[in-house]
Amino acid sequence: MAQNQFEYIIIGAGHNGLVAAAYLAKQGKKVLVLERRSIVGGTVVTESFGENFAVDSVQTGGNLRPDIIKDLKLPLSGLDGTSRPAFISLQPDGNHLTLNEESIKRFSKKDASRWNEFVRFMDKAASILDVAYATIMPRLPKNMSLRDGYGLLELGLELRLAGRKDMLNFIRALPMSAQELVEEYFESEIVKAAIASVAIHGSTLGPMSAGTGYTLIHNWLNRGELAHSNVGKAGEVTSVLANAVKSFGGEIRTDAEVAKIKIENQIAKGVTLSNGEEISADAILSSADPKHTLLKLVGAQDLPPEFVWHTQSIKMRGSVAKIHLQTNGNHGIPAGTLCVAPSIKYLEKAYDAAKYGEISEKPYLEVTTLGNVVSIHFQFAPYHLKSSEWKVERAKVENLAINTLAEHFPNLKSSIVNRKSITPLDLEQTYGLSEGDINHGQLMLDQFLFMRPIPGWSNHKTPIDNLYLCGSGVHGGGGVSGAAGRNVLKVLK
């Protein structure tokens, strides 16, 4: 095979692209991964913004699915379910809630008695969703293949094995709002809001939005419960994957931006880099988001008009900002995942601002620490600002985040020695996320399961032969899991 000819080119060295590349290289395929940035990882990356200032810049920690770790023999530890980090809801009076039975008792004995049952159901619901994410969704309303049928049969069996009660509750939970779901278990507003905050994490939705029952289960699955795990180790996940790709004989090139996918007679033939270099391949797998892949790298002229319209209609709507603070270590913030989510109404009002293109004055925050570094996940900060632009609003988001958190930790401000913020525009320009959407497309009822990324195209394929999608924008994607990169191998010719 010629030097510039490969069996597979993978566009983007995010975790899904690297997972797909590792599986293919392990099969002995000639694989090339092309990454626009100078480092691998995509949004699953640990970066240094100065001396003693290393952070998980976009995604906080994370885990690959256990079968991926096992299949690729990766030196990573999966979730064991026993040592779950603390999830703490910060309260104005300093009486903070840790989400466990003992702490919940201080707010409601009844809620404490329901906690273990709630955790049991959520673990069961997450395991069902995990099977759904391992199933290639049929291209409804197209005719199903025999392979599709087997996958759905496996999913149906998992639902049956869950038991009638859990099966029905799982199906009911998906279209529910997070508020409705938590109200079935708990009475304390503080407990309900803390849990509901996880449902809206990374999504431009409020806890009263339909479908946030689904996003709660989705985030619970990826995190292994409520709190983030492996904080500070996002980059370790993707560096281990990159090493696996290379050990299996695959090639990774950084500083190699793909400008165009070469199409001949509706067949993908290779790519053209931004420096003009052309590389040929038998098949192209893109882990970039569907809008970028299809509308920019392919282009509307090579796609059916209706397909183009559906792709243009994918809801991105990013509204996440990240503020990382380097401190002298005296910030006073405990370990674990902390949230500013005092009530359901507070969260809903924070979301209301995004609906009108405004930055939340009273934001929902999620906070993690790594030694002297404090990382703040800020919602809502919409990509599309109604009456301003991001180059002038960066300081506002930084100050809102710091001031809101400092209400709970008065030593924070005096401890700050450096800061790094990442706006939705930065997420697009630096990390390649269209409209700053960290999930490559909102996790919503009209964009999940067989409707992700668009109806009729949920099985990684595209109207271009030999061009496949394997990033977070397809079924199984969103957050850190690697499922989308693993699943694409099931449909390759």
Protein backbone atom coordinates (compact mmCIF):
# COMPACT_ATOMS: atom_id res chain seq x y z
CA MET A 1 0.00 0.00 0.00
CA ALA A 2 1.33 3.42 -0.98
CA GLN A 3 2.76 5.67 1.72
CA ASN A 4 -0.12 8.17 1.49
CA GLN A 5 -2.76 5.46 1.11
CA PHE A 6 -4.53 4.04 4.17
CA GLU A 7 -7.38 1.64 4.81
CA TYR A 8 -8.94 4.02 7.35
CA ILE A 9 -8.53 7.70 8.09
CA ILE A 10 -10.00 8.93 11.37
CA ILE A 11 -10.69 12.67 11.53
CA GLY A 12 -10.10 13.98 15.05
CA ALA A 13 -8.12 12.48 17.95
CA GLY A 14 -10.86 12.92 20.54
CA HIS A 15 -11.58 9.92 22.72
CA ASN A 16 -14.14 8.42 20.32
CA GLY A 17 -11.85 8.79 17.33
CA LEU A 18 -8.99 7.17 19.26
CA VAL A 19 -11.22 4.30 20.43
CA ALA A 20 -12.26 3.57 16.83
CA ALA A 21 -8.65 3.84 15.66
CA ALA A 22 -7.40 1.49 18.38
CA TYR A 23 -9.97 -1.19 17.54
CA LEU A 24 -9.17 -0.97 13.82
CA ALA A 25 -5.40 -0.97 14.35
CA LYS A 26 -5.77 -3.97 16.64
CA GLN A 27 -7.44 -5.77 13.73
CA GLY A 28 -4.30 -5.11 11.67
CA LYS A 29 -5.77 -2.33 9.55
CA LYS A 30 -3.61 0.49 8.23
CA VAL A 31 -4.99 3.44 10.21
CA LEU A 32 -4.19 7.15 10.25
CA VAL A 33 -5.62 9.58 12.83
CA LEU A 34 -5.52 13.26 11.85
CA GLU A 35 -5.78 15.85 14.63
CA ARG A 36 -6.10 19.61 14.03
CA ARG A 37 -4.50 20.60 17.35
CA SER A 38 -0.95 19.94 18.50
CA ILE A 39 -2.19 17.56 21.23
CA VAL A 40 -4.55 14.59 21.18
CA GLY A 41 -7.69 14.28 23.29
CA GLY A 42 -10.27 16.67 21.86
CA THR A 43 -12.37 17.73 24.86
CA VAL A 44 -10.98 14.89 27.00
CA VAL A 45 -7.68 16.57 27.67
CA THR A 46 -5.56 17.85 30.53
CA GLU A 47 -3.73 21.06 29.65
CA SER A 48 -1.24 23.31 31.38
CA PHE A 49 -1.97 27.03 31.41
CA GLY A 50 1.12 27.93 33.43
CA GLU A 51 3.44 26.52 36.08
CA ASN A 52 1.43 24.44 38.60
CA PHE A 53 -1.72 25.18 36.57
CA ALA A 54 -2.76 21.90 34.90
CA VAL A 55 -6.49 21.29 34.43
CA ASP A 56 -9.03 19.10 32.68
CA SER A 57 -9.88 21.97 30.40
CA VAL A 58 -13.31 20.88 29.05
CA GLN A 59 -14.53 17.46 30.25
CA THR A 60 -13.87 16.74 33.93
CA GLY A 61 -12.08 13.41 34.33
CA GLY A 62 -14.23 10.59 33.00
CA ASN A 63 -14.16 6.89 32.26
CA LEU A 64 -14.29 4.70 29.19
CA ARG A 65 -16.86 1.89 29.15
CA PRO A 66 -15.45 -1.20 30.90
CA ASP A 67 -15.64 -3.39 27.77
CA ILE A 68 -13.44 -0.90 25.87
CA ILE A 69 -10.83 -0.94 28.63
CA LYS A 70 -10.91 -4.75 28.58
CA ASP A 71 -10.93 -5.20 24.77
CA LEU A 72 -8.01 -2.85 24.22
CA LYS A 73 -6.17 -3.96 27.39
CA LEU A 74 -5.83 -0.36 28.53
CA PRO A 75 -4.01 0.41 31.80
CA LEU A 76 -7.01 2.33 33.15
CA SER A 77 -9.14 1.59 36.17
CA GLY A 78 -12.88 1.57 35.54
CA LEU A 79 -15.58 2.46 38.03
CA ASP A 80 -15.75 -0.08 40.82
CA GLY A 81 -18.93 1.32 42.37
CA THR A 82 -17.46 1.37 45.89
CA SER A 83 -15.30 4.49 46.15
CA ARG A 84 -17.65 7.10 44.72
CA PRO A 85 -16.46 10.66 45.30
CA ALA A 86 -18.64 13.05 47.31
CA PHE A 87 -21.33 15.11 45.61
CA ILE A 88 -22.04 18.23 47.68
CA SER A 89 -24.77 20.81 47.20
CA LEU A 90 -23.68 24.19 48.60
CA GLN A 91 -26.26 26.01 50.73
CA PRO A 92 -26.40 29.75 51.52
CA ASP A 93 -26.45 29.08 55.29
CA GLY A 94 -23.36 26.85 55.15
CA ASN A 95 -25.38 23.72 56.00
CA HIS A 96 -24.17 21.92 52.90
CA LEU A 97 -25.78 18.70 51.69
CA THR A 98 -23.69 15.66 50.79
CA LEU A 99 -25.74 13.26 48.71
CA ASN A 100 -25.72 10.20 50.96
CA GLU A 101 -28.24 8.70 53.37
CA GLU A 102 -26.65 10.13 56.50
CA SER A 103 -26.42 13.72 55.27
CA ILE A 104 -29.89 13.67 53.67
CA LYS A 105 -31.35 12.78 57.10
CA ARG A 106 -30.60 16.33 58.26
CA PHE A 107 -32.98 17.65 55.61
CA SER A 108 -35.60 14.88 55.51
CA LYS A 109 -35.74 11.49 57.23
CA LYS A 110 -38.27 10.35 54.64
CA ASP A 111 -35.90 11.28 51.81
CA ALA A 112 -33.04 9.47 53.55
CA SER A 113 -35.16 6.33 53.66
CA ARG A 114 -35.78 6.58 49.90
CA TRP A 115 -32.18 7.28 48.90
CA ASN A 116 -30.97 3.69 48.50
CA GLU A 117 -34.02 2.77 46.41
CA PHE A 118 -33.40 5.78 44.17
CA VAL A 119 -29.74 4.82 43.71
CA ARG A 120 -30.76 1.22 42.95
CA PHE A 121 -33.24 2.38 40.28
CA MET A 122 -30.80 4.83 38.73
CA ASP A 123 -28.07 2.17 38.55
CA LYS A 124 -30.56 -0.19 36.88
CA ALA A 125 -31.77 2.52 34.47
CA ALA A 126 -28.17 3.37 33.61
CA SER A 127 -27.39 -0.28 32.87
CA ILE A 128 -30.38 -0.48 30.49
CA LEU A 129 -29.27 2.72 28.76
CA ASP A 130 -25.76 1.26 28.49
CA VAL A 131 -27.19 -1.69 26.53
CA ALA A 132 -29.19 0.74 24.38
CA TYR A 133 -25.98 2.64 23.66
CA ALA A 134 -24.27 -0.60 22.61
CA THR A 135 -27.12 -1.30 20.16
CA ILE A 136 -26.93 0.08 16.63
CA MET A 137 -30.20 1.93 16.18
CA PRO A 138 -32.18 0.97 13.05
CA ARG A 139 -32.55 3.59 10.35
CA LEU A 140 -36.21 4.24 10.99
CA PRO A 141 -38.36 4.62 8.95
CA LYS A 142 -36.07 2.67 6.56
CA ASN A 143 -36.26 -1.12 6.37
CA MET A 144 -34.42 -2.84 9.20
CA SER A 145 -31.60 -5.27 8.49
CA LEU A 146 -31.24 -8.62 10.22
CA ARG A 147 -28.28 -7.18 12.15
CA ASP A 148 -30.49 -4.31 13.39
CA GLY A 149 -33.06 -6.85 14.50
CA TYR A 150 -30.55 -8.79 16.59
CA GLY A 151 -29.41 -5.62 18.33
CA LEU A 152 -32.96 -4.60 19.20
CA LEU A 153 -33.71 -8.13 20.38
CA GLU A 154 -30.78 -7.89 22.81
CA LEU A 155 -32.06 -4.54 24.07
CA GLY A 156 -35.59 -5.94 24.46
CA LEU A 157 -34.19 -8.87 26.44
CA GLU A 158 -32.32 -6.47 28.75
CA LEU A 159 -35.56 -4.58 29.37
CA ARG A 160 -37.40 -7.82 30.17
CA LEU A 161 -34.61 -8.96 32.51
CA ALA A 162 -34.89 -5.64 34.36
CA GLY A 163 -38.26 -6.75 35.67
CA ARG A 164 -41.65 -5.31 34.80
CA LYS A 165 -41.55 -2.50 37.37
CA ASP A 166 -38.04 -1.21 36.52
CA MET A 167 -38.69 -1.63 32.79
CA LEU A 168 -41.81 0.53 32.94
CA ASN A 169 -40.18 3.09 35.23
CA PHE A 170 -37.20 3.35 32.88
CA ILE A 171 -39.40 3.95 29.83
CA ARG A 172 -41.50 6.46 31.81
CA ALA A 173 -38.42 8.30 33.05
CA LEU A 174 -36.94 9.11 29.62
CA PRO A 175 -39.50 11.76 28.54
CA MET A 176 -40.08 13.07 32.07
CA SER A 177 -38.57 16.28 33.39
CA ALA A 178 -35.89 15.90 36.06
CA GLN A 179 -38.25 17.72 38.42
CA GLU A 180 -40.98 15.13 37.88
CA LEU A 181 -38.56 12.25 38.29
CA VAL A 182 -37.01 13.43 41.57
CA GLU A 183 -40.42 14.39 42.98
CA GLU A 184 -41.44 10.74 42.75
CA TYR A 185 -38.78 9.95 45.35
CA PHE A 186 -38.04 13.03 47.44
CA GLU A 187 -39.74 15.91 49.27
CA SER A 188 -36.82 18.17 50.25
CA GLU A 189 -36.30 20.96 47.71
CA ILE A 190 -32.57 20.95 48.45
CA VAL A 191 -32.24 17.22 47.73
CA LYS A 192 -34.36 17.43 44.57
CA ALA A 193 -32.43 20.38 43.16
CA ALA A 194 -29.03 18.79 43.82
CA ILE A 195 -29.96 15.69 41.83
CA ALA A 196 -31.74 17.65 39.09
CA SER A 197 -28.63 19.77 38.51
CA VAL A 198 -26.85 16.70 37.10
CA ALA A 199 -29.66 16.32 34.55
CA ILE A 200 -28.98 19.74 33.00
CA HIS A 201 -25.18 19.49 33.10
CA GLY A 202 -23.84 20.20 29.61
CA SER A 203 -27.32 20.70 28.13
CA THR A 204 -29.23 23.84 27.29
CA LEU A 205 -32.27 22.67 29.22
CA GLY A 206 -33.84 23.44 32.57
CA PRO A 207 -34.91 20.88 35.20
CA MET A 208 -38.53 21.46 34.14
CA SER A 209 -37.76 20.59 30.49
CA ALA A 210 -39.17 17.36 29.09
CA GLY A 211 -36.46 14.76 28.52
CA THR A 212 -34.23 15.76 31.42
CA GLY A 213 -35.17 12.45 33.01
CA TYR A 214 -33.20 10.92 30.15
CA THR A 215 -30.24 13.29 30.53
CA LEU A 216 -30.10 12.51 34.26
CA ILE A 217 -29.80 8.79 33.51
CA HIS A 218 -27.28 9.52 30.73
CA ASN A 219 -25.01 11.58 33.01
CA TRP A 220 -25.43 9.07 35.85
CA LEU A 221 -24.23 6.32 33.50
CA ASN A 222 -21.17 8.23 32.31
CA ARG A 223 -20.18 9.45 35.77
CA GLY A 224 -20.97 6.25 37.64
CA GLU A 225 -23.43 8.22 39.83
CA LEU A 226 -23.61 11.95 40.61
CA ALA A 227 -20.01 13.02 41.20
CA HIS A 228 -17.21 13.21 38.64
CA SER A 229 -14.52 10.54 38.90
CA ASN A 230 -10.87 10.65 37.83
CA VAL A 231 -10.73 14.43 38.21
CA GLY A 232 -7.50 15.71 36.69
CA LYS A 233 -7.04 12.55 34.63
CA ALA A 234 -8.95 13.37 31.45
CA GLY A 235 -5.70 13.61 29.53
CA GLU A 236 -4.55 10.27 30.92
CA VAL A 237 -7.57 8.56 29.30
CA THR A 238 -6.74 9.85 25.83
CA SER A 239 -2.96 9.51 26.13
CA VAL A 240 -3.45 5.85 27.06
CA LEU A 241 -5.72 5.45 24.02
CA ALA A 242 -3.18 7.17 21.77
CA ASN A 243 -0.47 4.82 23.03
CA ALA A 244 -2.75 1.87 22.28
CA VAL A 245 -3.31 3.08 18.70
CA LYS A 246 0.44 3.33 18.17
CA SER A 247 1.19 -0.01 19.87
CA PHE A 248 -1.24 -1.73 17.48
CA GLY A 249 0.52 -0.15 14.51
CA GLY A 250 -1.71 2.86 13.89
CA GLU A 251 -0.38 6.32 13.05
CA ILE A 252 -1.40 9.63 14.65
CA ARG A 253 -0.56 13.01 13.15
CA THR A 254 -1.13 16.22 15.10
CA ASP A 255 -1.18 19.74 13.60
CA ALA A 256 -2.93 18.09 10.65
CA GLU A 257 -6.22 19.89 10.02
CA VAL A 258 -8.57 18.27 7.53
CA ALA A 259 -9.98 20.96 5.21
CA LYS A 260 -12.03 18.73 2.92
CA ILE A 261 -13.18 15.15 2.48
CA LYS A 262 -12.56 14.09 -1.13
CA ILE A 263 -15.74 12.78 -2.78
CA GLU A 264 -15.98 11.03 -6.15
CA ASN A 265 -19.34 9.73 -7.42
CA GLN A 266 -20.80 9.85 -3.89
CA ILE A 267 -17.89 7.80 -2.51
CA ALA A 268 -15.36 9.09 0.05
CA LYS A 269 -11.86 8.65 -1.35
CA GLY A 270 -9.64 10.51 1.09
CA VAL A 271 -8.99 13.93 2.62
CA THR A 272 -7.26 17.17 1.78
CA LEU A 273 -5.40 18.89 4.62
CA SER A 274 -5.37 22.64 5.17
CA ASN A 275 -1.77 22.72 3.87
CA GLY A 276 -2.94 21.19 0.58
CA GLU A 277 -1.66 17.65 1.20
CA GLU A 278 -3.94 14.89 -0.10
CA ILE A 279 -4.22 11.51 1.62
CA SER A 280 -6.21 8.59 0.22
CA ALA A 281 -8.14 5.96 2.16
CA ASP A 282 -10.65 3.17 1.61
CA ALA A 283 -12.93 4.65 4.29
CA ILE A 284 -13.17 7.83 6.37
CA LEU A 285 -14.40 7.93 9.98
CA SER A 286 -15.11 11.39 11.36
CA SER A 287 -15.20 12.00 15.10
CA ALA A 288 -15.86 15.70 14.48
CA ASP A 289 -19.41 16.84 15.11
CA PRO A 290 -21.99 16.00 12.38
CA LYS A 291 -22.58 19.61 11.32
CA HIS A 292 -18.87 20.30 10.81
CA THR A 293 -18.28 16.96 9.08
CA LEU A 294 -21.23 17.10 6.70
CA LEU A 295 -21.68 20.79 5.98
CA LYS A 296 -18.04 21.93 5.97
CA LEU A 297 -15.80 18.92 5.26
CA VAL A 298 -18.19 17.35 2.73
CA GLY A 299 -20.38 20.29 1.67
CA ALA A 300 -24.03 20.60 0.73
CA GLN A 301 -23.33 20.14 -2.98
CA ASP A 302 -22.50 16.44 -2.44
CA LEU A 303 -25.49 15.66 -0.20
CA PRO A 304 -29.24 15.19 -0.85
CA PRO A 305 -31.19 18.44 -0.20
CA GLU A 306 -33.46 16.92 2.47
CA PHE A 307 -30.44 15.47 4.29
CA VAL A 308 -28.75 18.89 4.21
CA TRP A 309 -31.87 20.50 5.69
CA HIS A 310 -31.99 17.93 8.51
CA THR A 311 -28.28 18.41 9.22
CA GLN A 312 -28.65 22.19 9.34
CA SER A 313 -31.51 21.65 11.82
CA ILE A 314 -29.39 19.73 14.37
CA LYS A 315 -29.71 21.67 17.62
CA MET A 316 -26.27 22.56 19.01
CA ARG A 317 -26.94 25.58 21.27
CA GLY A 318 -23.89 25.33 23.51
CA SER A 319 -24.19 27.29 26.75
CA VAL A 320 -21.27 26.07 28.86
CA ALA A 321 -18.27 28.13 29.98
CA LYS A 322 -15.33 26.88 32.04
CA ILE A 323 -13.40 29.01 34.50
CA HIS A 324 -10.17 27.54 35.90
CA LEU A 325 -8.52 29.25 38.85
CA GLN A 326 -4.93 28.77 39.96
CA THR A 327 -4.77 29.55 43.67
CA ASN A 328 -2.14 29.60 46.41
CA GLY A 329 -3.89 26.54 47.86
CA ASN A 330 -5.90 28.42 50.50
CA HIS A 331 -9.19 28.38 48.59
CA GLY A 332 -10.93 26.37 51.33
CA ILE A 333 -12.96 24.22 48.90
CA PRO A 334 -13.27 20.51 49.80
CA ALA A 335 -12.63 17.60 47.44
CA GLY A 336 -15.47 16.10 45.45
CA THR A 337 -18.01 17.57 43.05
CA LEU A 338 -19.78 20.64 44.42
CA CYS A 339 -22.81 22.33 42.91
CA VAL A 340 -24.56 25.66 43.34
CA ALA A 341 -28.15 24.50 42.88
CA PRO A 342 -30.20 25.57 45.92
CA SER A 343 -33.62 24.94 44.34
CA ILE A 344 -35.34 23.72 41.19
CA LYS A 345 -36.61 27.27 40.56
CA TYR A 346 -33.05 28.63 40.85
CA LEU A 347 -31.89 26.20 38.16
CA GLU A 348 -34.86 26.96 35.93
CA LYS A 349 -34.24 30.71 36.21
CA ALA A 350 -30.59 30.18 35.31
CA TYR A 351 -31.79 28.38 32.17
CA ASP A 352 -34.35 31.11 31.41
CA ALA A 353 -31.52 33.56 30.72
CA ALA A 354 -30.10 31.30 27.99
CA LYS A 355 -33.48 31.19 26.23
CA TYR A 356 -33.19 34.93 25.68
CA GLY A 357 -29.52 34.97 24.70
CA GLU A 358 -28.34 36.26 28.05
CA ILE A 359 -25.72 35.11 30.56
CA SER A 360 -27.22 33.81 33.83
CA GLU A 361 -26.72 36.39 36.58
CA LYS A 362 -27.37 33.65 39.14
CA PRO A 363 -25.71 30.67 37.45
CA TYR A 364 -25.75 26.96 38.06
CA LEU A 365 -22.17 26.03 38.91
CA GLU A 366 -20.43 22.71 39.29
CA VAL A 367 -17.03 22.84 40.94
CA THR A 368 -14.10 20.44 41.27
CA THR A 369 -10.65 20.92 42.75
CA LEU A 370 -7.25 19.44 42.02
CA GLY A 371 -4.82 20.57 44.68
CA ASN A 372 -4.35 24.32 44.23
CA VAL A 373 -6.57 24.48 41.11
CA VAL A 374 -10.31 25.18 41.21
CA SER A 375 -12.35 24.38 38.10
CA ILE A 376 -15.82 25.88 37.64
CA HIS A 377 -18.37 24.63 35.11
CA PHE A 378 -20.69 27.59 34.40
CA GLN A 379 -24.25 27.47 33.08
CA PHE A 380 -25.79 29.22 31.39
CA ALA A 381 -23.55 31.14 29.00
CA PRO A 382 -25.14 30.84 25.53
CA TYR A 383 -23.02 30.74 22.39
CA HIS A 384 -25.50 33.06 20.70
CA LEU A 385 -25.61 36.26 22.76
CA LYS A 386 -28.52 38.55 21.94
CA SER A 387 -27.02 41.95 22.63
CA SER A 388 -23.28 41.40 23.03
CA GLU A 389 -20.42 39.19 21.86
CA TRP A 390 -18.03 36.86 23.59
CA LYS A 391 -14.87 38.91 23.17
CA VAL A 392 -16.34 41.48 25.59
CA GLU A 393 -18.22 39.10 27.94
CA ARG A 394 -15.36 36.87 29.11
CA ALA A 395 -14.65 38.98 32.20
CA LYS A 396 -18.33 39.05 33.14
CA VAL A 397 -18.57 35.25 33.21
CA GLU A 398 -15.30 34.98 35.17
CA ASN A 399 -16.51 37.47 37.77
CA LEU A 400 -19.97 35.91 38.07
CA ALA A 401 -18.41 32.49 38.64
CA ILE A 402 -15.89 33.74 41.21
CA ASN A 403 -18.38 35.95 43.07
CA THR A 404 -21.03 33.21 43.22
CA LEU A 405 -18.57 30.66 44.57
CA ALA A 406 -16.97 33.16 46.96
CA GLU A 407 -20.32 33.53 48.74
CA HIS A 408 -19.66 30.02 50.07
CA PHE A 409 -15.87 30.19 50.36
CA PRO A 410 -14.76 33.69 51.46
CA ASN A 411 -11.04 32.88 51.15
CA LEU A 412 -11.37 32.09 47.43
CA LYS A 413 -10.82 35.58 45.98
CA SER A 414 -7.66 36.33 47.96
CA SER A 415 -6.20 32.92 47.01
CA ILE A 416 -6.40 33.41 43.22
CA VAL A 417 -3.08 33.93 41.46
CA ASN A 418 -4.06 33.12 37.86
CA ARG A 419 -7.16 32.32 35.83
CA LYS A 420 -8.09 30.74 32.51
CA SER A 421 -11.59 30.90 31.07
CA ILE A 422 -13.03 28.99 28.13
CA THR A 423 -16.12 30.54 26.56
CA PRO A 424 -18.53 28.80 24.13
CA LEU A 425 -16.74 30.65 21.32
CA ASP A 426 -13.41 29.22 22.55
CA LEU A 427 -15.00 25.76 22.57
CA GLU A 428 -15.79 26.26 18.89
CA GLN A 429 -12.57 27.93 17.76
CA THR A 430 -10.04 26.03 19.89
CA TYR A 431 -11.72 22.65 20.41
CA GLY A 432 -13.69 22.43 17.16
CA LEU A 433 -17.16 22.23 18.74
CA SER A 434 -19.83 23.80 16.53
CA GLU A 435 -21.68 26.47 18.54
CA GLY A 436 -19.67 25.41 21.59
CA ASP A 437 -21.77 22.26 22.13
CA ILE A 438 -19.66 19.83 24.18
CA ASN A 439 -22.00 16.95 23.22
CA HIS A 440 -21.78 17.56 19.43
CA GLY A 441 -25.55 18.14 19.44
CA GLN A 442 -28.00 18.60 22.30
CA LEU A 443 -29.14 15.47 24.14
CA MET A 444 -32.86 16.03 23.61
CA LEU A 445 -35.91 13.85 22.95
CA ASP A 446 -35.86 14.69 19.24
CA GLN A 447 -32.12 14.01 19.03
CA PHE A 448 -31.63 10.71 20.86
CA LEU A 449 -31.71 6.98 20.11
CA PHE A 450 -32.79 6.43 16.46
CA MET A 451 -33.05 10.21 15.91
CA ARG A 452 -29.39 10.97 16.64
CA PRO A 453 -27.85 12.74 14.83
CA ILE A 454 -30.89 12.98 12.52
CA PRO A 455 -33.88 10.69 11.81
CA GLY A 456 -33.10 7.91 9.36
CA TRP A 457 -29.32 8.13 9.87
CA SER A 458 -28.71 6.73 13.36
CA ASN A 459 -26.32 3.94 12.37
CA HIS A 460 -23.08 5.92 11.78
CA LYS A 461 -23.56 5.88 7.99
CA THR A 462 -24.01 8.90 5.72
CA PRO A 463 -25.30 9.39 2.16
CA ILE A 464 -21.63 9.29 1.11
CA ASP A 465 -20.41 5.71 0.75
CA ASN A 466 -17.40 4.86 2.94
CA LEU A 467 -17.92 7.94 5.14
CA TYR A 468 -18.96 7.20 8.72
CA LEU A 469 -19.60 9.27 11.84
CA CYS A 470 -18.03 8.09 15.12
CA GLY A 471 -18.05 11.15 17.41
CA SER A 472 -20.24 12.28 20.29
CA GLY A 473 -22.94 13.50 17.89
CA VAL A 474 -24.11 9.97 17.08
CA HIS A 475 -26.12 7.51 19.17
CA GLY A 476 -24.24 6.52 22.31
CA GLY A 477 -22.28 9.78 22.37
CA GLY A 478 -22.32 12.74 24.73
CA GLY A 479 -19.88 13.02 27.62
CA VAL A 480 -17.02 10.58 28.12
CA SER A 481 -17.61 6.89 27.41
CA GLY A 482 -16.11 5.89 24.04
CA ALA A 483 -19.32 4.09 23.05
CA ALA A 484 -19.68 5.93 19.73
CA GLY A 485 -16.12 5.09 18.71
CA ARG A 486 -16.59 1.46 19.68
CA ASN A 487 -19.95 1.03 17.95
CA VAL A 488 -18.91 2.26 14.51
CA LEU A 489 -16.94 -0.95 13.97
CA LYS A 490 -20.24 -2.87 13.92
CA VAL A 491 -21.31 -1.18 10.68
CA LEU A 492 -18.06 -0.97 8.72
CA LYS A 493 -18.02 -2.99 5.52
